[in-house]
Amino acid sequence: ITLIPAAVCLLLYIPTLILLLRGERERQTFRYKNTADHFWHACLFWCFLIYPLVSISSVQGFKCRKIGERMLLEIDLTEECPWTDLSSATFLWSVVATILYPLGIPVFMHWQMVRQGIPQLAAKKHEEALMHAMVVEYKEHMAG
């Protein structure tokens, strides 16, 4: 389940990649900019939707239960606990998935918001709201 979200983002990138390979990025065409913008918005929305599910799924690879003498992976009791063999594929994939999803998605979203200028936009809106509140307060003070 943890590979599917990354695969979806790669599929979403295909139209942008085609335009990139055709050299439209260098020419700064409207079609490329629009397609790339749609890709980033779709990818961010997809990450927002899947974040809780894949975060939980990726950390499940570390949750083990002792049954008899064996430590087994709680989500799949046929698998040995990855903590017993730190070089196992299950342990390595759990580490990669934890970095990629529970840590990587918030970092990716923050990077995209900074890239899109959201902090500056929020600061500007906050300043405008303060100015509006001051004007309203002044008008009420002068009227009253």
Protein backbone atom coordinates (compact mmCIF):
# COMPACT_ATOMS: atom_id res chain seq x y z
CA ILE A 1 0.00 0.00 0.00
CA THR A 2 2.91 2.37 0.59
CA LEU A 3 4.08 2.30 -3.04
CA ILE A 4 0.74 3.28 -4.54
CA PRO A 5 0.77 6.97 -3.45
CA ALA A 6 4.21 7.58 -4.97
CA ALA A 7 3.10 5.81 -8.15
CA VAL A 8 0.05 8.07 -8.42
CA CYS A 9 2.24 11.19 -8.16
CA LEU A 10 4.50 9.79 -10.89
CA LEU A 11 1.46 9.17 -13.10
CA LEU A 12 0.25 12.72 -12.47
CA TYR A 13 3.65 13.96 -13.64
CA ILE A 14 3.46 12.31 -17.10
CA PRO A 15 1.83 15.27 -18.96
CA THR A 16 4.38 17.67 -17.46
CA LEU A 17 7.21 15.29 -18.34
CA ILE A 18 6.03 15.05 -21.96
CA LEU A 19 6.05 18.84 -22.29
CA LEU A 20 9.42 18.99 -20.55
CA LEU A 21 10.88 16.49 -23.01
CA ARG A 22 9.46 18.51 -25.91
CA GLY A 23 11.47 21.52 -24.69
CA GLU A 24 8.49 23.64 -23.68
CA ARG A 25 10.00 24.48 -20.31
CA GLU A 26 12.90 26.32 -21.91
CA ARG A 27 10.51 28.24 -24.15
CA GLN A 28 8.38 29.10 -21.09
CA THR A 29 5.15 28.24 -22.89
CA PHE A 30 1.80 28.86 -21.25
CA ARG A 31 0.89 25.21 -21.79
CA TYR A 32 3.94 24.03 -19.83
CA LYS A 33 3.41 26.49 -16.97
CA ASN A 34 -0.28 25.63 -16.75
CA THR A 35 0.36 21.88 -16.87
CA ALA A 36 3.13 22.06 -14.27
CA ASP A 37 0.93 24.20 -12.02
CA HIS A 38 -1.91 21.67 -12.31
CA PHE A 39 0.53 18.86 -11.52
CA TRP A 40 1.74 20.55 -8.32
CA HIS A 41 -1.81 21.30 -7.18
CA ALA A 42 -2.99 17.74 -7.90
CA CYS A 43 0.05 16.22 -6.23
CA LEU A 44 -0.38 18.39 -3.11
CA PHE A 45 -4.07 17.54 -2.92
CA TRP A 46 -3.30 13.83 -3.34
CA CYS A 47 -0.66 14.00 -0.58
CA PHE A 48 -3.11 15.80 1.69
CA LEU A 49 -5.73 13.08 1.12
CA ILE A 50 -3.48 10.07 1.63
CA TYR A 51 -1.26 11.44 4.42
CA PRO A 52 -3.10 9.86 7.39
CA LEU A 53 -3.49 6.44 5.78
CA VAL A 54 0.05 6.05 4.46
CA SER A 55 1.57 7.48 7.62
CA ILE A 56 -0.19 4.89 9.72
CA SER A 57 0.64 2.13 7.23
CA SER A 58 4.32 3.04 7.07
CA VAL A 59 4.85 2.98 10.83
CA GLN A 60 3.01 -0.35 11.12
CA GLY A 61 6.24 -1.95 9.93
CA PHE A 62 7.73 -1.20 13.34
CA LYS A 63 4.87 -2.50 15.48
CA CYS A 64 5.56 -6.02 16.70
CA ARG A 65 3.90 -8.51 19.05
CA LYS A 66 5.44 -11.36 20.99
CA ILE A 67 3.61 -14.61 20.33
CA GLY A 68 5.15 -17.52 22.15
CA GLU A 69 8.87 -17.27 21.65
CA ARG A 70 8.66 -15.30 18.39
CA MET A 71 8.37 -11.58 17.72
CA LEU A 72 5.99 -11.08 14.80
CA LEU A 73 4.88 -8.08 12.81
CA GLU A 74 1.49 -7.12 14.22
CA ILE A 75 -0.01 -6.16 10.87
CA ASP A 76 1.09 -9.47 9.29
CA LEU A 77 1.61 -12.26 11.80
CA THR A 78 3.34 -14.40 9.17
CA GLU A 79 6.29 -11.96 9.08
CA GLU A 80 9.07 -11.82 11.64
CA CYS A 81 9.49 -8.53 13.45
CA PRO A 82 11.87 -6.32 11.45
CA TRP A 83 13.62 -5.27 14.65
CA THR A 84 15.08 -8.78 14.91
CA ASP A 85 16.96 -8.31 11.62
CA LEU A 86 17.90 -4.70 10.85
CA SER A 87 19.08 -5.67 7.37
CA SER A 88 15.74 -7.22 6.37
CA ALA A 89 13.79 -5.78 3.47
CA THR A 90 10.79 -5.16 5.74
CA PHE A 91 12.85 -3.07 8.16
CA LEU A 92 14.58 -1.12 5.38
CA TRP A 93 11.29 -0.44 3.58
CA SER A 94 9.66 0.68 6.85
CA VAL A 95 12.48 3.17 7.40
CA VAL A 96 12.23 4.44 3.80
CA ALA A 97 8.42 4.67 4.00
CA THR A 98 8.60 6.53 7.32
CA ILE A 99 11.00 9.07 5.85
CA LEU A 100 8.98 9.33 2.64
CA TYR A 101 5.50 9.69 4.10
CA PRO A 102 5.14 10.82 7.76
CA LEU A 103 8.19 13.07 7.45
CA GLY A 104 8.42 13.71 3.72
CA ILE A 105 4.84 14.83 2.99
CA PRO A 106 4.84 17.69 5.54
CA VAL A 107 8.28 18.82 4.32
CA PHE A 108 7.06 18.64 0.71
CA MET A 109 3.91 20.62 1.52
CA HIS A 110 5.88 23.28 3.39
CA TRP A 111 8.35 23.57 0.50
CA GLN A 112 5.50 23.98 -1.97
CA MET A 113 3.78 26.63 0.15
CA VAL A 114 7.03 28.60 0.43
CA ARG A 115 7.61 28.13 -3.31
CA GLN A 116 4.11 29.48 -4.02
CA GLY A 117 4.62 32.48 -1.72
CA ILE A 118 1.94 31.47 0.80
CA PRO A 119 3.78 32.85 3.88
CA GLN A 120 4.10 36.28 2.24
CA LEU A 121 0.45 36.16 1.17
CA ALA A 122 -0.63 35.25 4.71
CA ALA A 123 1.49 38.07 6.17
CA LYS A 124 -0.05 40.55 3.71
CA LYS A 125 -3.59 39.38 4.56
CA HIS A 126 -2.81 39.69 8.26
CA GLU A 127 -1.55 43.24 7.80
CA GLU A 128 -4.66 44.15 5.80
CA ALA A 129 -6.92 42.67 8.49
CA LEU A 130 -5.10 44.67 11.19
CA MET A 131 -5.40 47.85 9.16
CA HIS A 132 -9.11 47.22 8.59
CA ALA A 133 -9.63 46.60 12.32
CA MET A 134 -7.83 49.86 13.13
CA VAL A 135 -10.01 51.81 10.68
CA VAL A 136 -13.19 50.25 12.10
CA GLU A 137 -12.03 51.03 15.65
CA TYR A 138 -11.20 54.62 14.66
CA LYS A 139 -14.60 55.12 12.98
CA GLU A 140 -16.42 53.73 16.02
CA HIS A 141 -14.34 55.95 18.32
CA MET A 142 -15.06 59.06 16.22
CA ALA A 143 -18.78 58.28 15.94
CA GLY A 144 -19.26 57.53 19.57
